[in-house]
Amino acid sequence: MNKNLSMSLKIAQAVRKNGGRAFYVGGYVRDKILGRFSKDIDIEIHGLSQQNLSEILSSLGQPVEMGASFGLLSLKHYSLDIVMPRSLLTGEIDPFVTEREAARRRDFTMNALMQDVLTGEILDFFGGIDDINAKVIRHVDDDTFLLDTLRVMRAARFSSSLGFVVDGATRAVCSSADLTSLAQERVFAEVENVITKSEMPSIFFEELERMKQLSFWFPEVQSVKNNIIDKAAVVRRKSVYPLGFMLASLCHDMAGTERFISRLTNDAKLNKYVINMAGLADTLEGMDEEALMRAFDRSECPEDLSLLSETLSGNSHSDMLALYRERMSRPFVTGADILAMGVSPGPLVGKILKHVHNLRLSGLPKSVQFEEVMKFIRGEEND
């Protein structure tokens, strides 16, 4: 038993001694039924005040109040989320709310399961086990589901990651939601989760399209045809930058890549990578050696560009990539060499270095680079 589960038992035992009850809740119970490993363990504590729970946690370790006002705690050095139940109507912490009412606040029936930490008893108030067996994503309650409209994207994400089908009534509720006020960071977190973990990330966008929910956050995706993102998912572990690699695969034939990616994230490094790689990925086919060298040189990550191009076309450029790396590793004329040739520091040195870089791309040895640099200098002086 890993240390998180061991600590879960200790917490549950202490809670029981104080008259309360501890339940595994949410995705941990769902994944256990599915036979999937889940590193995220959520425990919901019933029948104890928050003060009493804090005292118990202090006796077992070092409490971390990640969101104490929302009843969310943890222990340092443990991957455990310890939560208090909340009232269905007010959303406030209510340690003595019924288990059914607490479960009713959950998003989907498969996530509304509660399992007693000590006895293993599963409380299933809304048919979650049947829906898991039927591979159906069904919302728990019409009145509570859209209290958080991000659940629309979560439905699409679960469809993608689990291979489940969204129930028709749930899809209808999702279609009625207004997603325009969602925070950019929360939306991007869902996208990142899908494209870096799901084997079929295209299902996420296809499901949102069925819900008529692409238009605000992902309008450009509507025009993307035969997207390669599922093939990219197969090889993403080979990439240097999996998140950027997957986004570039999504954007490779998209009109408006810059607009699309900047809507999702303000990460300048990621935006630059995606715009650069998506723009280059479709251009490698048919290039001669010199053009390929220059394309690799312009790319944010030559290794990922080669992998993405191969995913798109099925043709490998690994030999050309190896040649590019080999050429870049060879000795070359440096700034110090140029100064030693009698060139004064200034703009001319920068021009010469750019010229040298082109010579390196062409594969010329350092001795020949020197000759070409001398010619370049004479040409500049004559001008």
Protein backbone atom coordinates (compact mmCIF):
# COMPACT_ATOMS: atom_id res chain seq x y z
CA MET A 1 0.00 0.00 0.00
CA ASN A 2 1.41 3.41 -0.94
CA LYS A 3 1.84 6.11 1.64
CA ASN A 4 -1.18 8.13 0.48
CA LEU A 5 -3.57 5.22 0.94
CA SER A 6 -1.92 4.36 4.25
CA MET A 7 -2.46 7.92 5.47
CA SER A 8 -6.05 7.79 4.20
CA LEU A 9 -6.70 4.87 6.54
CA LYS A 10 -5.11 6.69 9.47
CA ILE A 11 -7.27 9.75 8.83
CA ALA A 12 -10.41 7.61 8.49
CA GLN A 13 -9.68 5.77 11.73
CA ALA A 14 -9.14 9.02 13.62
CA VAL A 15 -12.30 10.49 12.09
CA ARG A 16 -14.33 7.44 13.16
CA LYS A 17 -13.00 7.72 16.73
CA ASN A 18 -14.33 11.27 16.77
CA GLY A 19 -17.75 10.24 15.50
CA GLY A 20 -17.32 11.01 11.82
CA ARG A 21 -16.98 9.08 8.60
CA ALA A 22 -14.45 9.34 5.76
CA PHE A 23 -15.21 8.55 2.11
CA TYR A 24 -13.13 8.28 -1.02
CA VAL A 25 -14.99 10.42 -3.57
CA GLY A 26 -14.84 11.52 -7.19
CA GLY A 27 -12.47 10.18 -9.80
CA TYR A 28 -10.61 7.89 -7.42
CA VAL A 29 -13.67 5.68 -6.91
CA ARG A 30 -14.57 5.80 -10.60
CA ASP A 31 -11.08 4.82 -11.71
CA LYS A 32 -10.91 2.03 -9.15
CA ILE A 33 -14.06 0.50 -10.62
CA LEU A 34 -12.60 0.89 -14.11
CA GLY A 35 -9.39 -0.81 -12.99
CA ARG A 36 -7.39 2.33 -13.72
CA PHE A 37 -4.64 3.76 -11.57
CA SER A 38 -5.46 7.14 -10.08
CA LYS A 39 -2.82 9.23 -8.36
CA ASP A 40 -5.45 11.76 -7.26
CA ILE A 41 -7.06 10.74 -3.99
CA ASP A 42 -9.93 12.81 -2.65
CA ILE A 43 -11.35 12.12 0.81
CA GLU A 44 -14.58 13.72 2.02
CA ILE A 45 -15.11 13.93 5.77
CA HIS A 46 -18.64 13.81 7.19
CA GLY A 47 -19.87 14.39 10.71
CA LEU A 48 -16.99 16.50 12.04
CA SER A 49 -16.48 20.24 12.31
CA GLN A 50 -13.67 21.76 10.28
CA GLN A 51 -11.89 22.64 13.51
CA ASN A 52 -12.07 19.04 14.69
CA LEU A 53 -10.75 17.81 11.35
CA SER A 54 -7.88 20.31 11.45
CA GLU A 55 -6.91 19.03 14.89
CA ILE A 56 -6.92 15.43 13.63
CA LEU A 57 -4.73 16.34 10.65
CA SER A 58 -2.33 18.23 12.92
CA SER A 59 -1.92 15.10 15.02
CA LEU A 60 -1.01 13.07 11.90
CA GLY A 61 1.24 15.48 10.03
CA GLN A 62 1.56 19.04 8.81
CA PRO A 63 -1.78 20.37 7.49
CA VAL A 64 -1.85 22.48 4.34
CA GLU A 65 -4.86 24.73 3.94
CA MET A 66 -5.09 24.96 0.15
CA GLY A 67 -8.59 26.42 0.30
CA ALA A 68 -9.74 26.28 3.89
CA SER A 69 -12.67 28.62 3.23
CA PHE A 70 -13.93 26.03 0.73
CA GLY A 71 -13.27 23.13 3.05
CA LEU A 72 -10.20 21.93 1.14
CA LEU A 73 -7.18 20.73 3.12
CA SER A 74 -4.18 18.47 2.67
CA LEU A 75 -1.08 17.18 4.43
CA LYS A 76 2.43 18.17 3.50
CA HIS A 77 4.35 15.39 1.72
CA TYR A 78 1.11 13.59 0.76
CA SER A 79 -0.93 13.71 -2.44
CA LEU A 80 -4.29 13.85 -0.72
CA ASP A 81 -7.15 16.31 -1.08
CA ILE A 82 -9.23 16.28 2.09
CA VAL A 83 -12.55 18.05 1.67
CA MET A 84 -15.58 18.94 3.73
CA PRO A 85 -19.08 18.42 2.31
CA ARG A 86 -21.03 21.48 1.27
CA SER A 87 -24.68 22.44 1.31
CA LEU A 88 -26.51 21.87 -1.95
CA LEU A 89 -28.42 25.15 -1.74
CA THR A 90 -25.87 27.58 -0.31
CA GLY A 91 -22.60 25.96 -1.27
CA GLU A 92 -21.29 26.59 2.23
CA ILE A 93 -19.42 24.01 4.28
CA ASP A 94 -21.88 21.75 6.06
CA PRO A 95 -20.24 18.78 7.84
CA PHE A 96 -23.62 17.28 8.69
CA VAL A 97 -25.26 17.36 5.27
CA THR A 98 -26.52 13.95 4.14
CA GLU A 99 -24.28 11.84 1.94
CA ARG A 100 -26.88 11.93 -0.82
CA GLU A 101 -27.07 15.72 -0.78
CA ALA A 102 -23.28 15.98 -0.83
CA ALA A 103 -23.08 13.59 -3.79
CA ARG A 104 -25.77 15.56 -5.60
CA ARG A 105 -23.37 18.48 -5.97
CA ARG A 106 -21.06 16.36 -8.14
CA ASP A 107 -20.95 16.77 -11.90
CA PHE A 108 -21.54 13.28 -13.30
CA THR A 109 -23.01 10.11 -11.87
CA MET A 110 -19.70 8.29 -12.34
CA ASN A 111 -18.05 10.94 -10.15
CA ALA A 112 -20.79 10.98 -7.51
CA LEU A 113 -19.79 7.63 -6.01
CA MET A 114 -18.64 7.55 -2.40
CA GLN A 115 -16.64 4.72 -0.87
CA ASP A 116 -16.19 4.30 2.86
CA VAL A 117 -12.44 4.36 3.44
CA LEU A 118 -12.58 1.77 6.23
CA THR A 119 -15.32 -0.64 5.14
CA GLY A 120 -15.10 -0.32 1.36
CA GLU A 121 -18.88 0.20 1.11
CA ILE A 122 -19.82 2.17 -2.01
CA LEU A 123 -22.71 4.62 -1.86
CA ASP A 124 -24.27 5.02 -5.30
CA PHE A 125 -27.26 7.34 -5.16
CA PHE A 126 -27.55 8.18 -8.86
CA GLY A 127 -26.71 5.02 -10.79
CA GLY A 128 -23.04 5.80 -11.29
CA ILE A 129 -21.91 2.18 -11.40
CA ASP A 130 -24.48 1.33 -14.07
CA ASP A 131 -23.36 4.32 -16.12
CA ILE A 132 -19.71 3.31 -15.79
CA ASN A 133 -20.54 -0.19 -16.97
CA ALA A 134 -22.56 1.27 -19.85
CA LYS A 135 -19.79 3.78 -20.61
CA VAL A 136 -22.16 6.72 -20.36
CA ILE A 137 -21.47 10.23 -19.08
CA ARG A 138 -24.63 11.46 -17.38
CA HIS A 139 -25.02 14.59 -15.28
CA VAL A 140 -26.30 14.20 -11.73
CA ASP A 141 -28.79 17.03 -11.39
CA ASP A 142 -30.31 19.63 -13.72
CA ASP A 143 -30.35 22.28 -10.99
CA THR A 144 -26.72 21.93 -9.90
CA PHE A 145 -24.84 20.86 -13.01
CA LEU A 146 -24.33 24.30 -14.52
CA LEU A 147 -23.30 25.90 -11.25
CA ASP A 148 -19.90 25.48 -12.88
CA THR A 149 -20.07 25.73 -16.66
CA LEU A 150 -16.58 24.27 -17.02
CA ARG A 151 -18.38 20.95 -16.56
CA VAL A 152 -19.35 21.20 -20.23
CA MET A 153 -15.70 20.86 -21.21
CA ARG A 154 -15.17 18.21 -18.55
CA ALA A 155 -17.91 16.12 -20.20
CA ALA A 156 -16.08 16.38 -23.53
CA ARG A 157 -12.74 15.62 -21.85
CA PHE A 158 -14.07 12.51 -20.13
CA SER A 159 -15.57 11.34 -23.41
CA SER A 160 -12.11 11.69 -24.96
CA SER A 161 -10.08 10.17 -22.13
CA LEU A 162 -12.44 7.35 -21.12
CA GLY A 163 -14.06 6.55 -24.44
CA PHE A 164 -17.51 7.12 -22.91
CA VAL A 165 -20.54 8.56 -24.72
CA VAL A 166 -22.22 11.69 -23.41
CA ASP A 167 -25.88 11.04 -22.58
CA GLY A 168 -28.35 12.88 -24.82
CA ALA A 169 -29.98 14.79 -21.97
CA THR A 170 -26.58 15.80 -20.64
CA ARG A 171 -25.51 16.97 -24.08
CA ALA A 172 -28.67 19.09 -24.28
CA VAL A 173 -27.91 20.74 -20.94
CA CYS A 174 -24.34 21.37 -22.07
CA SER A 175 -25.61 22.97 -25.27
CA SER A 176 -27.58 25.48 -23.24
CA ALA A 177 -24.59 26.67 -21.21
CA ASP A 178 -22.86 30.03 -21.64
CA LEU A 179 -19.09 29.46 -21.61
CA THR A 180 -18.02 33.01 -22.38
CA SER A 181 -17.29 33.93 -18.77
CA LEU A 182 -14.98 30.98 -18.07
CA ALA A 183 -11.45 31.92 -17.02
CA GLN A 184 -8.81 31.38 -19.70
CA GLU A 185 -6.64 29.41 -17.27
CA ARG A 186 -9.40 26.91 -16.48
CA VAL A 187 -10.23 26.33 -20.13
CA PHE A 188 -6.60 25.82 -21.05
CA ALA A 189 -6.13 23.38 -18.17
CA GLU A 190 -8.87 21.20 -19.70
CA VAL A 191 -7.30 21.42 -23.16
CA GLU A 192 -3.86 20.60 -21.77
CA ASN A 193 -5.23 17.61 -19.90
CA VAL A 194 -6.85 16.26 -23.06
CA ILE A 195 -4.04 16.73 -25.54
CA THR A 196 -1.27 15.49 -23.25
CA LYS A 197 -3.09 12.46 -21.80
CA SER A 198 -5.92 11.26 -24.04
CA GLU A 199 -5.26 8.67 -26.75
CA MET A 200 -8.04 10.24 -28.86
CA PRO A 201 -7.97 13.99 -28.20
CA SER A 202 -10.01 14.69 -31.33
CA ILE A 203 -13.08 13.37 -29.51
CA PHE A 204 -12.92 16.36 -27.15
CA PHE A 205 -13.44 18.81 -30.01
CA GLU A 206 -15.92 16.56 -31.80
CA GLU A 207 -18.06 16.35 -28.67
CA LEU A 208 -17.94 20.12 -28.14
CA GLU A 209 -19.05 20.50 -31.75
CA ARG A 210 -22.03 18.22 -31.09
CA MET A 211 -22.86 20.41 -28.10
CA LYS A 212 -22.53 23.51 -30.31
CA GLN A 213 -19.85 24.77 -27.94
CA LEU A 214 -16.90 25.35 -30.27
CA SER A 215 -17.85 28.84 -31.38
CA PHE A 216 -16.46 30.93 -28.52
CA TRP A 217 -13.25 29.22 -27.40
CA PHE A 218 -12.41 27.08 -30.45
CA PRO A 219 -14.00 28.63 -33.57
CA GLU A 220 -10.96 27.88 -35.73
CA VAL A 221 -11.28 24.15 -35.03
CA GLN A 222 -14.58 24.09 -36.94
CA SER A 223 -12.69 24.61 -40.19
CA VAL A 224 -9.94 22.08 -39.48
CA LYS A 225 -10.49 18.95 -41.54
CA ASN A 226 -8.85 15.53 -41.15
CA ASN A 227 -6.81 16.75 -38.22
CA ILE A 228 -3.73 14.76 -37.35
CA ILE A 229 -3.97 15.23 -33.57
CA ASP A 230 -4.80 11.58 -32.80
CA LYS A 231 -1.78 10.38 -34.77
CA ALA A 232 0.33 12.96 -32.95
CA ALA A 233 -0.93 11.56 -29.63
CA VAL A 234 0.64 8.21 -30.50
CA VAL A 235 4.13 9.71 -30.73
CA ARG A 236 3.90 12.66 -28.31
CA ARG A 237 6.13 10.92 -25.74
CA LYS A 238 8.95 11.09 -28.27
CA SER A 239 8.63 14.87 -28.54
CA VAL A 240 10.81 17.34 -26.66
CA TYR A 241 7.84 19.55 -25.75
CA PRO A 242 4.68 17.37 -25.73
CA LEU A 243 2.20 20.17 -24.96
CA GLY A 244 3.50 22.41 -27.72
CA PHE A 245 3.87 19.47 -30.09
CA MET A 246 0.22 18.51 -29.67
CA LEU A 247 -1.02 22.07 -30.07
CA ALA A 248 1.08 22.48 -33.20
CA SER A 249 -0.45 19.28 -34.61
CA LEU A 250 -3.91 20.72 -33.97
CA CYS A 251 -3.00 24.03 -35.60
CA HIS A 252 -0.93 22.80 -38.55
CA ASP A 253 -3.66 23.39 -41.15
CA MET A 254 -5.57 26.03 -39.22
CA ALA A 255 -6.24 29.53 -40.44
CA GLY A 256 -5.60 31.89 -37.56
CA THR A 257 -3.15 29.91 -35.43
CA GLU A 258 -1.89 33.00 -33.62
CA ARG A 259 -5.41 34.13 -32.76
CA PHE A 260 -6.35 30.64 -31.61
CA ILE A 261 -3.40 29.98 -29.33
CA SER A 262 -3.35 33.47 -27.79
CA ARG A 263 -7.02 33.05 -26.85
CA LEU A 264 -6.13 29.95 -24.84
CA THR A 265 -2.92 31.01 -23.10
CA ASN A 266 -0.65 33.95 -22.41
CA ASP A 267 2.42 31.72 -22.24
CA ALA A 268 4.77 33.55 -24.62
CA LYS A 269 7.16 30.61 -25.00
CA LEU A 270 4.35 28.21 -25.86
CA ASN A 271 2.69 30.66 -28.25
CA LYS A 272 5.96 31.23 -30.10
CA TYR A 273 6.63 27.49 -30.35
CA VAL A 274 3.16 26.63 -31.68
CA ILE A 275 3.04 29.44 -34.24
CA ASN A 276 6.53 28.60 -35.47
CA MET A 277 6.08 24.82 -35.65
CA ALA A 278 2.58 24.86 -37.12
CA GLY A 279 3.80 27.21 -39.84
CA LEU A 280 6.77 25.05 -40.77
CA ALA A 281 5.33 21.55 -40.39
CA ASP A 282 3.58 21.37 -43.76
CA THR A 283 6.51 22.85 -45.70
CA LEU A 284 9.18 20.17 -45.36
CA GLU A 285 7.83 17.82 -48.01
CA GLY A 286 9.65 18.26 -51.31
CA MET A 287 12.39 20.47 -49.88
CA ASP A 288 15.94 19.95 -51.06
CA GLU A 289 18.82 19.55 -48.61
CA GLU A 290 19.61 23.25 -48.32
CA ALA A 291 15.97 24.19 -47.71
CA LEU A 292 15.62 21.50 -45.05
CA MET A 293 18.71 22.77 -43.26
CA ARG A 294 17.23 26.25 -43.20
CA ALA A 295 13.84 25.00 -42.04
CA PHE A 296 15.37 23.10 -39.13
CA ASP A 297 17.41 26.19 -38.32
CA ARG A 298 14.30 28.40 -38.20
CA SER A 299 12.34 26.00 -36.05
CA GLU A 300 11.90 26.34 -32.30
CA CYS A 301 12.75 22.64 -31.95
CA PRO A 302 14.20 20.76 -34.95
CA GLU A 303 13.55 17.35 -33.33
CA ASP A 304 9.86 18.11 -32.83
CA LEU A 305 9.57 19.60 -36.31
CA SER A 306 10.95 16.41 -37.82
CA LEU A 307 8.58 14.29 -35.73
CA LEU A 308 5.58 16.46 -36.57
CA SER A 309 6.35 16.47 -40.28
CA GLU A 310 6.73 12.69 -40.22
CA THR A 311 3.36 12.41 -38.43
CA LEU A 312 1.72 14.58 -41.06
CA SER A 313 3.23 12.97 -44.15
CA GLY A 314 4.46 9.57 -43.06
CA ASN A 315 7.90 10.41 -44.45
CA SER A 316 10.87 10.57 -42.12
CA HIS A 317 13.37 13.43 -42.16
CA SER A 318 15.51 11.89 -39.44
CA ASP A 319 18.55 11.59 -41.73
CA MET A 320 18.38 15.29 -42.61
CA LEU A 321 17.89 16.18 -38.96
CA ALA A 322 20.98 14.17 -38.04
CA LEU A 323 22.91 15.96 -40.80
CA TYR A 324 21.75 19.35 -39.50
CA ARG A 325 22.86 18.51 -35.97
CA GLU A 326 26.19 17.19 -37.23
CA ARG A 327 26.84 20.36 -39.22
CA MET A 328 25.98 22.54 -36.24
CA SER A 329 28.47 20.59 -34.11
CA ARG A 330 31.43 21.20 -36.43
CA PRO A 331 34.09 23.85 -35.65
CA PHE A 332 33.20 27.28 -37.05
CA VAL A 333 34.53 30.81 -37.28
CA THR A 334 33.71 32.64 -34.07
CA GLY A 335 33.46 36.28 -33.08
CA ALA A 336 36.88 36.01 -31.48
CA ASP A 337 38.29 34.67 -34.75
CA ILE A 338 36.84 37.63 -36.62
CA LEU A 339 38.31 40.14 -34.19
CA ALA A 340 41.69 38.37 -34.48
CA MET A 341 41.49 38.98 -38.23
CA GLY A 342 41.64 42.71 -37.53
CA VAL A 343 37.93 43.52 -37.80
CA SER A 344 36.92 46.20 -35.31
CA PRO A 345 33.99 45.54 -32.97
CA GLY A 346 30.78 46.87 -34.49
CA PRO A 347 27.93 46.08 -36.89
CA LEU A 348 30.26 44.43 -39.38
CA VAL A 349 31.03 41.62 -36.92
CA GLY A 350 27.32 40.85 -36.66
CA LYS A 351 26.99 40.74 -40.46
CA ILE A 352 29.96 38.42 -40.72
CA LEU A 353 28.57 36.07 -38.05
CA LYS A 354 25.27 35.82 -39.94
CA HIS A 355 27.25 34.97 -43.08
CA VAL A 356 29.23 32.35 -41.13
CA HIS A 357 26.03 30.77 -39.91
CA ASN A 358 24.84 30.33 -43.49
CA LEU A 359 28.18 28.75 -44.33
CA ARG A 360 27.73 26.31 -41.43
CA LEU A 361 24.28 25.36 -42.73
CA SER A 362 25.88 24.59 -46.07
CA GLY A 363 28.30 22.23 -44.36
CA LEU A 364 31.49 24.09 -45.20
CA PRO A 365 34.49 23.30 -42.96
CA LYS A 366 36.06 26.03 -40.86
CA SER A 367 39.03 26.44 -43.21
CA VAL A 368 36.70 27.25 -46.08
CA GLN A 369 34.62 29.50 -43.83
CA PHE A 370 37.76 31.59 -43.22
CA GLU A 371 38.27 31.99 -46.98
CA GLU A 372 34.65 33.00 -47.48
CA VAL A 373 34.80 35.44 -44.57
CA MET A 374 37.80 37.16 -46.14
CA LYS A 375 35.90 37.51 -49.41
CA PHE A 376 32.90 38.85 -47.49
CA ILE A 377 35.05 41.42 -45.67
CA ARG A 378 36.65 42.61 -48.94
CA GLY A 379 33.21 42.95 -50.47
CA GLU A 380 32.00 45.04 -47.53
CA GLU A 381 35.10 47.24 -47.69
CA ASN A 382 34.66 47.83 -51.42
CA ASP A 383 31.06 48.80 -50.84
